[in-house]
Amino acid sequence: TKFSEYDSKPSAGETAFRINIKFDNGSEQPIDLDDFSVLAEGKDWSLARFERHLPDTVCDVGPGEGTYAKLFRPVHKGVW
């Protein structure tokens, strides 16, 4: 991964990744993106929060074996 002046390099032991987001406004109205942000944190942190709230439905868009669903299934018999 190439980093620009606006990127943060990962610390030792962390993996760099990039998120590409496309906004498609199909309306005639402008959309204010000033409040838009992306928060990405490790799955170990999210498991602790999940165990505290135990929602009945979880949406996970992650690919493959490392998905949130795989992490959460043993903890809660939600709607998967």
C-alpha atoms as a PDB file:
ATOM      1  CA  THR A   1       0.000   0.000   0.000  1.00  0.00           C
ATOM      2  CA  LYS A   2       1.298   3.437  -0.910  1.00  0.00           C
ATOM      3  CA  PHE A   3       0.623   6.155   1.630  1.00  0.00           C
ATOM      4  CA  SER A   4      -0.031   9.802   0.866  1.00  0.00           C
ATOM      5  CA  GLU A   5       0.361  12.771   3.172  1.00  0.00           C
ATOM      6  CA  TYR A   6      -3.235  12.266   4.415  1.00  0.00           C
ATOM      7  CA  ASP A   7      -2.858   8.559   5.288  1.00  0.00           C
ATOM      8  CA  SER A   8      -1.835   7.075   8.609  1.00  0.00           C
ATOM      9  CA  LYS A   9       0.715   4.291   8.483  1.00  0.00           C
ATOM     10  CA  PRO A  10      -0.114   1.268  10.637  1.00  0.00           C
ATOM     11  CA  SER A  11       1.888   0.500  13.741  1.00  0.00           C
ATOM     12  CA  ALA A  12       4.083  -2.598  13.875  1.00  0.00           C
ATOM     13  CA  GLY A  13       1.915  -5.725  13.846  1.00  0.00           C
ATOM     14  CA  GLU A  14      -1.071  -3.943  12.275  1.00  0.00           C
ATOM     15  CA  THR A  15      -2.315  -4.442   8.718  1.00  0.00           C
ATOM     16  CA  ALA A  16      -2.906  -1.508   6.396  1.00  0.00           C
ATOM     17  CA  PHE A  17      -6.140  -1.500   4.410  1.00  0.00           C
ATOM     18  CA  ARG A  18      -8.166   0.898   2.309  1.00  0.00           C
ATOM     19  CA  ILE A  19     -11.925   1.341   2.087  1.00  0.00           C
ATOM     20  CA  ASN A  20     -13.486   2.615  -1.137  1.00  0.00           C
ATOM     21  CA  ILE A  21     -17.002   3.989  -0.758  1.00  0.00           C
ATOM     22  CA  LYS A  22     -19.222   5.113  -3.611  1.00  0.00           C
ATOM     23  CA  PHE A  23     -22.184   7.404  -2.984  1.00  0.00           C
ATOM     24  CA  ASP A  24     -24.905   7.282  -5.616  1.00  0.00           C
ATOM     25  CA  ASN A  25     -27.471  10.009  -5.083  1.00  0.00           C
ATOM     26  CA  GLY A  26     -30.469   9.122  -7.223  1.00  0.00           C
ATOM     27  CA  SER A  27     -32.464  12.128  -6.040  1.00  0.00           C
ATOM     28  CA  GLU A  28     -32.623  15.729  -7.177  1.00  0.00           C
ATOM     29  CA  GLN A  29     -31.522  16.889  -3.709  1.00  0.00           C
ATOM     30  CA  PRO A  30     -27.897  17.391  -2.662  1.00  0.00           C
ATOM     31  CA  ILE A  31     -26.540  15.203   0.112  1.00  0.00           C
ATOM     32  CA  ASP A  32     -24.481  16.717   2.920  1.00  0.00           C
ATOM     33  CA  LEU A  33     -21.516  14.437   3.644  1.00  0.00           C
ATOM     34  CA  ASP A  34     -20.039  16.645   6.377  1.00  0.00           C
ATOM     35  CA  ASP A  35     -21.176  14.221   9.082  1.00  0.00           C
ATOM     36  CA  PHE A  36     -20.155  11.061   7.225  1.00  0.00           C
ATOM     37  CA  SER A  37     -17.349   9.029   8.767  1.00  0.00           C
ATOM     38  CA  VAL A  38     -15.994   5.484   8.769  1.00  0.00           C
ATOM     39  CA  LEU A  39     -15.000   3.757  11.975  1.00  0.00           C
ATOM     40  CA  ALA A  40     -13.105   0.492  11.655  1.00  0.00           C
ATOM     41  CA  GLU A  41     -12.009  -1.357  14.753  1.00  0.00           C
ATOM     42  CA  GLY A  42     -10.794  -4.861  15.449  1.00  0.00           C
ATOM     43  CA  LYS A  43     -13.210  -7.722  15.866  1.00  0.00           C
ATOM     44  CA  ASP A  44     -12.018  -8.590  19.379  1.00  0.00           C
ATOM     45  CA  TRP A  45     -13.277  -5.203  20.539  1.00  0.00           C
ATOM     46  CA  SER A  46     -16.597  -5.733  18.781  1.00  0.00           C
ATOM     47  CA  LEU A  47     -17.152  -9.150  20.391  1.00  0.00           C
ATOM     48  CA  ALA A  48     -17.031  -7.582  23.859  1.00  0.00           C
ATOM     49  CA  ARG A  49     -19.617  -4.999  22.826  1.00  0.00           C
ATOM     50  CA  PHE A  50     -21.765  -7.652  21.115  1.00  0.00           C
ATOM     51  CA  GLU A  51     -21.768  -9.829  24.247  1.00  0.00           C
ATOM     52  CA  ARG A  52     -23.035  -6.863  26.258  1.00  0.00           C
ATOM     53  CA  HIS A  53     -25.925  -5.997  23.877  1.00  0.00           C
ATOM     54  CA  LEU A  54     -26.752  -9.372  22.226  1.00  0.00           C
ATOM     55  CA  PRO A  55     -28.853  -8.056  19.315  1.00  0.00           C
ATOM     56  CA  ASP A  56     -31.107 -10.606  17.599  1.00  0.00           C
ATOM     57  CA  THR A  57     -30.044  -9.590  14.105  1.00  0.00           C
ATOM     58  CA  VAL A  58     -26.502  -8.972  12.889  1.00  0.00           C
ATOM     59  CA  CYS A  59     -25.570  -7.687   9.443  1.00  0.00           C
ATOM     60  CA  ASP A  60     -22.051  -8.530   8.313  1.00  0.00           C
ATOM     61  CA  VAL A  61     -20.671  -7.583   4.928  1.00  0.00           C
ATOM     62  CA  GLY A  62     -17.208  -8.988   5.547  1.00  0.00           C
ATOM     63  CA  PRO A  63     -15.906 -11.744   3.284  1.00  0.00           C
ATOM     64  CA  GLY A  64     -14.594 -15.164   4.194  1.00  0.00           C
ATOM     65  CA  GLU A  65     -13.673 -16.825   7.445  1.00  0.00           C
ATOM     66  CA  GLY A  66     -12.948 -13.703   9.473  1.00  0.00           C
ATOM     67  CA  THR A  67     -16.481 -12.328   9.453  1.00  0.00           C
ATOM     68  CA  TYR A  68     -18.323 -10.976  12.457  1.00  0.00           C
ATOM     69  CA  ALA A  69     -20.976 -13.647  12.009  1.00  0.00           C
ATOM     70  CA  LYS A  70     -18.421 -16.407  12.559  1.00  0.00           C
ATOM     71  CA  LEU A  71     -17.138 -14.611  15.645  1.00  0.00           C
ATOM     72  CA  PHE A  72     -20.602 -14.001  17.123  1.00  0.00           C
ATOM     73  CA  ARG A  73     -22.431 -17.264  16.322  1.00  0.00           C
ATOM     74  CA  PRO A  74     -21.018 -19.200  19.299  1.00  0.00           C
ATOM     75  CA  VAL A  75     -22.100 -16.400  21.651  1.00  0.00           C
ATOM     76  CA  HIS A  76     -25.706 -15.816  20.532  1.00  0.00           C
ATOM     77  CA  LYS A  77     -28.282 -17.761  18.525  1.00  0.00           C
ATOM     78  CA  GLY A  78     -29.485 -14.672  16.649  1.00  0.00           C
ATOM     79  CA  VAL A  79     -30.943 -14.476  13.152  1.00  0.00           C
ATOM     80  CA  TRP A  80     -28.023 -15.307  10.848  1.00  0.00           C
END
